ModelCIF file with pLDDT and N, C-alpha, C, O atoms, coordinates in Angstrom:
data_MODEL
#
_entry.id   MODEL 
#
_entity.id                         1 
_entity.type                       polymer 
_entity.pdbx_number_of_molecules   1 
#
_entity_poly.entity_id                      1 
_entity_poly.type                           'polypeptide(L)' 
_entity_poly.nstd_linkage                   no 
_entity_poly.nstd_monomer                   no 
_entity_poly.pdbx_seq_one_letter_code       LLVDPFATRIDRRFAFDPRLALPREEAVDTAPLM 
_entity_poly.pdbx_seq_one_letter_code_can   LLVDPFATRIDRRFAFDPRLALPREEAVDTAPLM 
_entity_poly.pdbx_strand_id                 A 
#
loop_
_entity_poly_seq.entity_id 
_entity_poly_seq.num 
_entity_poly_seq.mon_id 
_entity_poly_seq.hetero 
1 1  LEU n 
1 2  LEU n 
1 3  VAL n 
1 4  ASP n 
1 5  PRO n 
1 6  PHE n 
1 7  ALA n 
1 8  THR n 
1 9  ARG n 
1 10 ILE n 
1 11 ASP n 
1 12 ARG n 
1 13 ARG n 
1 14 PHE n 
1 15 ALA n 
1 16 PHE n 
1 17 ASP n 
1 18 PRO n 
1 19 ARG n 
1 20 LEU n 
1 21 ALA n 
1 22 LEU n 
1 23 PRO n 
1 24 ARG n 
1 25 GLU n 
1 26 GLU n 
1 27 ALA n 
1 28 VAL n 
1 29 ASP n 
1 30 THR n 
1 31 ALA n 
1 32 PRO n 
1 33 LEU n 
1 34 MET n 
#
_struct_asym.id          A 
_struct_asym.entity_id   1 
#
loop_
_ma_qa_metric.id 
_ma_qa_metric.mode 
_ma_qa_metric.name 
_ma_qa_metric.software_group_id 
_ma_qa_metric.type 
1 global pLDDT . pLDDT 
2 local  pLDDT . pLDDT 
#
_ma_qa_metric_global.metric_id      1 
_ma_qa_metric_global.metric_value   97.85 
_ma_qa_metric_global.model_id       1 
_ma_qa_metric_global.ordinal_id     1 
#
loop_
_ma_qa_metric_local.label_asym_id 
_ma_qa_metric_local.label_comp_id 
_ma_qa_metric_local.label_seq_id 
_ma_qa_metric_local.metric_id 
_ma_qa_metric_local.metric_value 
_ma_qa_metric_local.model_id 
_ma_qa_metric_local.ordinal_id 
A LEU 1  2 98.00 1 1  
A LEU 2  2 98.00 1 2  
A VAL 3  2 98.00 1 3  
A ASP 4  2 98.00 1 4  
A PRO 5  2 98.00 1 5  
A PHE 6  2 98.00 1 6  
A ALA 7  2 98.00 1 7  
A THR 8  2 98.00 1 8  
A ARG 9  2 98.00 1 9  
A ILE 10 2 98.00 1 10 
A ASP 11 2 98.00 1 11 
A ARG 12 2 98.00 1 12 
A ARG 13 2 98.00 1 13 
A PHE 14 2 98.00 1 14 
A ALA 15 2 98.00 1 15 
A PHE 16 2 98.00 1 16 
A ASP 17 2 98.00 1 17 
A PRO 18 2 98.00 1 18 
A ARG 19 2 98.00 1 19 
A LEU 20 2 98.00 1 20 
A ALA 21 2 98.00 1 21 
A LEU 22 2 98.00 1 22 
A PRO 23 2 97.00 1 23 
A ARG 24 2 97.00 1 24 
A GLU 25 2 97.00 1 25 
A GLU 26 2 97.00 1 26 
A ALA 27 2 97.00 1 27 
A VAL 28 2 98.00 1 28 
A ASP 29 2 98.00 1 29 
A THR 30 2 98.00 1 30 
A ALA 31 2 98.00 1 31 
A PRO 32 2 98.00 1 32 
A LEU 33 2 98.00 1 33 
A MET 34 2 98.00 1 34 
#
loop_
_atom_site.group_PDB 
_atom_site.id 
_atom_site.type_symbol 
_atom_site.label_atom_id 
_atom_site.label_alt_id 
_atom_site.label_comp_id 
_atom_site.label_asym_id 
_atom_site.label_entity_id 
_atom_site.label_seq_id 
_atom_site.pdbx_PDB_ins_code 
_atom_site.Cartn_x 
_atom_site.Cartn_y 
_atom_site.Cartn_z 
_atom_site.occupancy 
_atom_site.B_iso_or_equiv 
_atom_site.pdbx_formal_charge 
_atom_site.auth_seq_id 
_atom_site.auth_comp_id 
_atom_site.auth_asym_id 
_atom_site.auth_atom_id 
_atom_site.pdbx_PDB_model_num 
ATOM 1   N N  . LEU A 1 1  ? 47.829 41.447 -10.233 1.00 98.00 ? 1  LEU A N  1 
ATOM 2   C CA . LEU A 1 1  ? 46.592 41.001 -10.874 1.00 98.00 ? 1  LEU A CA 1 
ATOM 3   C C  . LEU A 1 1  ? 46.857 40.870 -12.368 1.00 98.00 ? 1  LEU A C  1 
ATOM 4   O O  . LEU A 1 1  ? 47.424 41.769 -12.989 1.00 98.00 ? 1  LEU A O  1 
ATOM 5   N N  . LEU A 1 2  ? 46.441 39.739 -12.941 1.00 98.00 ? 2  LEU A N  1 
ATOM 6   C CA . LEU A 1 2  ? 46.760 39.432 -14.353 1.00 98.00 ? 2  LEU A CA 1 
ATOM 7   C C  . LEU A 1 2  ? 45.475 39.334 -15.173 1.00 98.00 ? 2  LEU A C  1 
ATOM 8   O O  . LEU A 1 2  ? 44.484 38.736 -14.755 1.00 98.00 ? 2  LEU A O  1 
ATOM 9   N N  . VAL A 1 3  ? 45.532 39.936 -16.339 1.00 98.00 ? 3  VAL A N  1 
ATOM 10  C CA . VAL A 1 3  ? 44.384 39.851 -17.247 1.00 98.00 ? 3  VAL A CA 1 
ATOM 11  C C  . VAL A 1 3  ? 44.436 38.503 -17.996 1.00 98.00 ? 3  VAL A C  1 
ATOM 12  O O  . VAL A 1 3  ? 45.504 38.063 -18.422 1.00 98.00 ? 3  VAL A O  1 
ATOM 13  N N  . ASP A 1 4  ? 43.288 37.872 -18.146 1.00 98.00 ? 4  ASP A N  1 
ATOM 14  C CA . ASP A 1 4  ? 43.187 36.628 -18.858 1.00 98.00 ? 4  ASP A CA 1 
ATOM 15  C C  . ASP A 1 4  ? 43.679 36.840 -20.312 1.00 98.00 ? 4  ASP A C  1 
ATOM 16  O O  . ASP A 1 4  ? 43.148 37.703 -21.010 1.00 98.00 ? 4  ASP A O  1 
ATOM 17  N N  . PRO A 1 5  ? 44.689 36.063 -20.778 1.00 98.00 ? 5  PRO A N  1 
ATOM 18  C CA . PRO A 1 5  ? 45.135 36.219 -22.181 1.00 98.00 ? 5  PRO A CA 1 
ATOM 19  C C  . PRO A 1 5  ? 43.993 35.961 -23.175 1.00 98.00 ? 5  PRO A C  1 
ATOM 20  O O  . PRO A 1 5  ? 44.017 36.473 -24.294 1.00 98.00 ? 5  PRO A O  1 
ATOM 21  N N  . PHE A 1 6  ? 43.005 35.175 -22.767 1.00 98.00 ? 6  PHE A N  1 
ATOM 22  C CA . PHE A 1 6  ? 41.882 34.839 -23.666 1.00 98.00 ? 6  PHE A CA 1 
ATOM 23  C C  . PHE A 1 6  ? 40.673 35.740 -23.399 1.00 98.00 ? 6  PHE A C  1 
ATOM 24  O O  . PHE A 1 6  ? 39.589 35.460 -23.911 1.00 98.00 ? 6  PHE A O  1 
ATOM 25  N N  . ALA A 1 7  ? 40.821 36.785 -22.635 1.00 98.00 ? 7  ALA A N  1 
ATOM 26  C CA . ALA A 1 7  ? 39.710 37.716 -22.406 1.00 98.00 ? 7  ALA A CA 1 
ATOM 27  C C  . ALA A 1 7  ? 39.221 38.311 -23.717 1.00 98.00 ? 7  ALA A C  1 
ATOM 28  O O  . ALA A 1 7  ? 40.020 38.653 -24.589 1.00 98.00 ? 7  ALA A O  1 
ATOM 29  N N  . THR A 1 8  ? 37.917 38.431 -23.852 1.00 98.00 ? 8  THR A N  1 
ATOM 30  C CA . THR A 1 8  ? 37.354 39.056 -25.049 1.00 98.00 ? 8  THR A CA 1 
ATOM 31  C C  . THR A 1 8  ? 36.747 40.428 -24.786 1.00 98.00 ? 8  THR A C  1 
ATOM 32  O O  . THR A 1 8  ? 36.285 41.116 -25.697 1.00 98.00 ? 8  THR A O  1 
ATOM 33  N N  . ARG A 1 9  ? 36.765 40.806 -23.488 1.00 98.00 ? 9  ARG A N  1 
ATOM 34  C CA . ARG A 1 9  ? 36.285 42.130 -23.133 1.00 98.00 ? 9  ARG A CA 1 
ATOM 35  C C  . ARG A 1 9  ? 36.892 42.554 -21.806 1.00 98.00 ? 9  ARG A C  1 
ATOM 36  O O  . ARG A 1 9  ? 37.062 41.732 -20.905 1.00 98.00 ? 9  ARG A O  1 
ATOM 37  N N  . ILE A 1 10 ? 37.226 43.869 -21.680 1.00 98.00 ? 10 ILE A N  1 
ATOM 38  C CA . ILE A 1 10 ? 37.738 44.391 -20.410 1.00 98.00 ? 10 ILE A CA 1 
ATOM 39  C C  . ILE A 1 10 ? 36.897 45.610 -20.031 1.00 98.00 ? 10 ILE A C  1 
ATOM 40  O O  . ILE A 1 10 ? 36.192 46.179 -20.865 1.00 98.00 ? 10 ILE A O  1 
ATOM 41  N N  . ASP A 1 11 ? 36.989 46.004 -18.737 1.00 98.00 ? 11 ASP A N  1 
ATOM 42  C CA . ASP A 1 11 ? 36.107 47.038 -18.273 1.00 98.00 ? 11 ASP A CA 1 
ATOM 43  C C  . ASP A 1 11 ? 36.626 48.436 -18.464 1.00 98.00 ? 11 ASP A C  1 
ATOM 44  O O  . ASP A 1 11 ? 35.852 49.387 -18.346 1.00 98.00 ? 11 ASP A O  1 
ATOM 45  N N  . ARG A 1 12 ? 37.915 48.614 -18.759 1.00 98.00 ? 12 ARG A N  1 
ATOM 46  C CA . ARG A 1 12 ? 38.469 49.925 -18.998 1.00 98.00 ? 12 ARG A CA 1 
ATOM 47  C C  . ARG A 1 12 ? 39.812 49.781 -19.724 1.00 98.00 ? 12 ARG A C  1 
ATOM 48  O O  . ARG A 1 12 ? 40.337 48.675 -19.848 1.00 98.00 ? 12 ARG A O  1 
ATOM 49  N N  . ARG A 1 13 ? 40.357 50.889 -20.197 1.00 98.00 ? 13 ARG A N  1 
ATOM 50  C CA . ARG A 1 13 ? 41.609 50.849 -20.932 1.00 98.00 ? 13 ARG A CA 1 
ATOM 51  C C  . ARG A 1 13 ? 42.773 50.528 -19.994 1.00 98.00 ? 13 ARG A C  1 
ATOM 52  O O  . ARG A 1 13 ? 42.670 50.674 -18.776 1.00 98.00 ? 13 ARG A O  1 
ATOM 53  N N  . PHE A 1 14 ? 43.874 50.092 -20.587 1.00 98.00 ? 14 PHE A N  1 
ATOM 54  C CA . PHE A 1 14 ? 45.110 49.931 -19.841 1.00 98.00 ? 14 PHE A CA 1 
ATOM 55  C C  . PHE A 1 14 ? 45.802 51.315 -19.707 1.00 98.00 ? 14 PHE A C  1 
ATOM 56  O O  . PHE A 1 14 ? 45.782 52.135 -20.625 1.00 98.00 ? 14 PHE A O  1 
ATOM 57  N N  . ALA A 1 15 ? 46.412 51.531 -18.523 1.00 98.00 ? 15 ALA A N  1 
ATOM 58  C CA . ALA A 1 15 ? 47.164 52.777 -18.306 1.00 98.00 ? 15 ALA A CA 1 
ATOM 59  C C  . ALA A 1 15 ? 48.487 52.399 -17.648 1.00 98.00 ? 15 ALA A C  1 
ATOM 60  O O  . ALA A 1 15 ? 48.513 51.713 -16.626 1.00 98.00 ? 15 ALA A O  1 
ATOM 61  N N  . PHE A 1 16 ? 49.552 52.842 -18.231 1.00 98.00 ? 16 PHE A N  1 
ATOM 62  C CA . PHE A 1 16 ? 50.873 52.489 -17.668 1.00 98.00 ? 16 PHE A CA 1 
ATOM 63  C C  . PHE A 1 16 ? 51.047 53.188 -16.311 1.00 98.00 ? 16 PHE A C  1 
ATOM 64  O O  . PHE A 1 16 ? 50.698 54.355 -16.132 1.00 98.00 ? 16 PHE A O  1 
ATOM 65  N N  . ASP A 1 17 ? 51.611 52.409 -15.355 1.00 98.00 ? 17 ASP A N  1 
ATOM 66  C CA . ASP A 1 17 ? 51.964 52.937 -14.042 1.00 98.00 ? 17 ASP A CA 1 
ATOM 67  C C  . ASP A 1 17 ? 53.244 52.195 -13.629 1.00 98.00 ? 17 ASP A C  1 
ATOM 68  O O  . ASP A 1 17 ? 53.298 50.970 -13.737 1.00 98.00 ? 17 ASP A O  1 
ATOM 69  N N  . PRO A 1 18 ? 54.273 52.911 -13.160 1.00 98.00 ? 18 PRO A N  1 
ATOM 70  C CA . PRO A 1 18 ? 55.515 52.228 -12.795 1.00 98.00 ? 18 PRO A CA 1 
ATOM 71  C C  . PRO A 1 18 ? 55.356 51.116 -11.778 1.00 98.00 ? 18 PRO A C  1 
ATOM 72  O O  . PRO A 1 18 ? 56.180 50.203 -11.714 1.00 98.00 ? 18 PRO A O  1 
ATOM 73  N N  . ARG A 1 19 ? 54.302 51.189 -10.985 1.00 98.00 ? 19 ARG A N  1 
ATOM 74  C CA . ARG A 1 19 ? 54.083 50.145 -9.997  1.00 98.00 ? 19 ARG A CA 1 
ATOM 75  C C  . ARG A 1 19 ? 53.756 48.805 -10.616 1.00 98.00 ? 19 ARG A C  1 
ATOM 76  O O  . ARG A 1 19 ? 53.899 47.773 -9.962  1.00 98.00 ? 19 ARG A O  1 
ATOM 77  N N  . LEU A 1 20 ? 53.319 48.798 -11.860 1.00 98.00 ? 20 LEU A N  1 
ATOM 78  C CA . LEU A 1 20 ? 53.025 47.553 -12.552 1.00 98.00 ? 20 LEU A CA 1 
ATOM 79  C C  . LEU A 1 20 ? 54.294 46.776 -12.853 1.00 98.00 ? 20 LEU A C  1 
ATOM 80  O O  . LEU A 1 20 ? 54.227 45.587 -13.166 1.00 98.00 ? 20 LEU A O  1 
ATOM 81  N N  . ALA A 1 21 ? 55.458 47.426 -12.764 1.00 98.00 ? 21 ALA A N  1 
ATOM 82  C CA . ALA A 1 21 ? 56.728 46.772 -13.102 1.00 98.00 ? 21 ALA A CA 1 
ATOM 83  C C  . ALA A 1 21 ? 57.589 46.547 -11.854 1.00 98.00 ? 21 ALA A C  1 
ATOM 84  O O  . ALA A 1 21 ? 58.740 46.132 -11.982 1.00 98.00 ? 21 ALA A O  1 
ATOM 85  N N  . LEU A 1 22 ? 57.067 46.808 -10.659 1.00 98.00 ? 22 LEU A N  1 
ATOM 86  C CA . LEU A 1 22 ? 57.867 46.616 -9.443  1.00 98.00 ? 22 LEU A CA 1 
ATOM 87  C C  . LEU A 1 22 ? 58.178 45.116 -9.222  1.00 98.00 ? 22 LEU A C  1 
ATOM 88  O O  . LEU A 1 22 ? 57.370 44.262 -9.587  1.00 98.00 ? 22 LEU A O  1 
ATOM 89  N N  . PRO A 1 23 ? 59.320 44.803 -8.641  1.00 97.00 ? 23 PRO A N  1 
ATOM 90  C CA . PRO A 1 23 ? 59.634 43.385 -8.353  1.00 97.00 ? 23 PRO A CA 1 
ATOM 91  C C  . PRO A 1 23 ? 58.776 42.827 -7.262  1.00 97.00 ? 23 PRO A C  1 
ATOM 92  O O  . PRO A 1 23 ? 58.087 43.559 -6.552  1.00 97.00 ? 23 PRO A O  1 
ATOM 93  N N  . ARG A 1 24 ? 58.822 41.504 -7.132  1.00 97.00 ? 24 ARG A N  1 
ATOM 94  C CA . ARG A 1 24 ? 57.955 40.814 -6.180  1.00 97.00 ? 24 ARG A CA 1 
ATOM 95  C C  . ARG A 1 24 ? 58.168 41.295 -4.757  1.00 97.00 ? 24 ARG A C  1 
ATOM 96  O O  . ARG A 1 24 ? 57.200 41.398 -4.004  1.00 97.00 ? 24 ARG A O  1 
ATOM 97  N N  . GLU A 1 25 ? 59.387 41.591 -4.363  1.00 97.00 ? 25 GLU A N  1 
ATOM 98  C CA . GLU A 1 25 ? 59.670 41.942 -2.978  1.00 97.00 ? 25 GLU A CA 1 
ATOM 99  C C  . GLU A 1 25 ? 58.978 43.231 -2.546  1.00 97.00 ? 25 GLU A C  1 
ATOM 100 O O  . GLU A 1 25 ? 58.850 43.494 -1.350  1.00 97.00 ? 25 GLU A O  1 
ATOM 101 N N  . GLU A 1 26 ? 58.531 44.034 -3.508  1.00 97.00 ? 26 GLU A N  1 
ATOM 102 C CA . GLU A 1 26 ? 57.828 45.283 -3.179  1.00 97.00 ? 26 GLU A CA 1 
ATOM 103 C C  . GLU A 1 26 ? 56.411 44.993 -2.702  1.00 97.00 ? 26 GLU A C  1 
ATOM 104 O O  . GLU A 1 26 ? 55.825 45.789 -1.969  1.00 97.00 ? 26 GLU A O  1 
ATOM 105 N N  . ALA A 1 27 ? 55.850 43.837 -3.124  1.00 97.00 ? 27 ALA A N  1 
ATOM 106 C CA . ALA A 1 27 ? 54.527 43.393 -2.650  1.00 97.00 ? 27 ALA A CA 1 
ATOM 107 C C  . ALA A 1 27 ? 53.435 44.449 -2.834  1.00 97.00 ? 27 ALA A C  1 
ATOM 108 O O  . ALA A 1 27 ? 52.605 44.639 -1.945  1.00 97.00 ? 27 ALA A O  1 
ATOM 109 N N  . VAL A 1 28 ? 53.430 45.137 -3.983  1.00 98.00 ? 28 VAL A N  1 
ATOM 110 C CA . VAL A 1 28 ? 52.409 46.133 -4.253  1.00 98.00 ? 28 VAL A CA 1 
ATOM 111 C C  . VAL A 1 28 ? 51.264 45.467 -5.033  1.00 98.00 ? 28 VAL A C  1 
ATOM 112 O O  . VAL A 1 28 ? 51.476 44.910 -6.110  1.00 98.00 ? 28 VAL A O  1 
ATOM 113 N N  . ASP A 1 29 ? 50.067 45.533 -4.478  1.00 98.00 ? 29 ASP A N  1 
ATOM 114 C CA . ASP A 1 29 ? 48.888 44.946 -5.103  1.00 98.00 ? 29 ASP A CA 1 
ATOM 115 C C  . ASP A 1 29 ? 48.515 45.824 -6.298  1.00 98.00 ? 29 ASP A C  1 
ATOM 116 O O  . ASP A 1 29 ? 48.262 47.020 -6.150  1.00 98.00 ? 29 ASP A O  1 
ATOM 117 N N  . THR A 1 30 ? 48.487 45.209 -7.487  1.00 98.00 ? 30 THR A N  1 
ATOM 118 C CA . THR A 1 30 ? 48.195 46.001 -8.700  1.00 98.00 ? 30 THR A CA 1 
ATOM 119 C C  . THR A 1 30 ? 46.728 45.947 -9.118  1.00 98.00 ? 30 THR A C  1 
ATOM 120 O O  . THR A 1 30 ? 46.363 46.502 -10.155 1.00 98.00 ? 30 THR A O  1 
ATOM 121 N N  . ALA A 1 31 ? 45.883 45.287 -8.327  1.00 98.00 ? 31 ALA A N  1 
ATOM 122 C CA . ALA A 1 31 ? 44.462 45.209 -8.711  1.00 98.00 ? 31 ALA A CA 1 
ATOM 123 C C  . ALA A 1 31 ? 43.836 46.591 -8.957  1.00 98.00 ? 31 ALA A C  1 
ATOM 124 O O  . ALA A 1 31 ? 43.074 46.741 -9.912  1.00 98.00 ? 31 ALA A O  1 
ATOM 125 N N  . PRO A 1 32 ? 44.133 47.608 -8.123  1.00 98.00 ? 32 PRO A N  1 
ATOM 126 C CA . PRO A 1 32 ? 43.510 48.912 -8.412  1.00 98.00 ? 32 PRO A CA 1 
ATOM 127 C C  . PRO A 1 32 ? 43.997 49.581 -9.704  1.00 98.00 ? 32 PRO A C  1 
ATOM 128 O O  . PRO A 1 32 ? 43.349 50.483 -10.235 1.00 98.00 ? 32 PRO A O  1 
ATOM 129 N N  . LEU A 1 33 ? 45.166 49.111 -10.204 1.00 98.00 ? 33 LEU A N  1 
ATOM 130 C CA . LEU A 1 33 ? 45.732 49.728 -11.401 1.00 98.00 ? 33 LEU A CA 1 
ATOM 131 C C  . LEU A 1 33 ? 45.353 49.035 -12.692 1.00 98.00 ? 33 LEU A C  1 
ATOM 132 O O  . LEU A 1 33 ? 45.616 49.548 -13.779 1.00 98.00 ? 33 LEU A O  1 
ATOM 133 N N  . MET A 1 34 ? 44.730 47.859 -12.575 1.00 98.00 ? 34 MET A N  1 
ATOM 134 C CA . MET A 1 34 ? 44.503 47.004 -13.738 1.00 98.00 ? 34 MET A CA 1 
ATOM 135 C C  . MET A 1 34 ? 43.057 46.978 -14.197 1.00 98.00 ? 34 MET A C  1 
ATOM 136 O O  . MET A 1 34 ? 42.730 46.296 -15.168 1.00 98.00 ? 34 MET A O  1 
#
């Protein structure tokens, strides 16, 4: 899940999680992390 580069507001802070950097073949949905 990708944040709009032109977003002017978000609902919560960013928090680093190693799953955000997993390659495509891992197929981990990052929506709950973003």
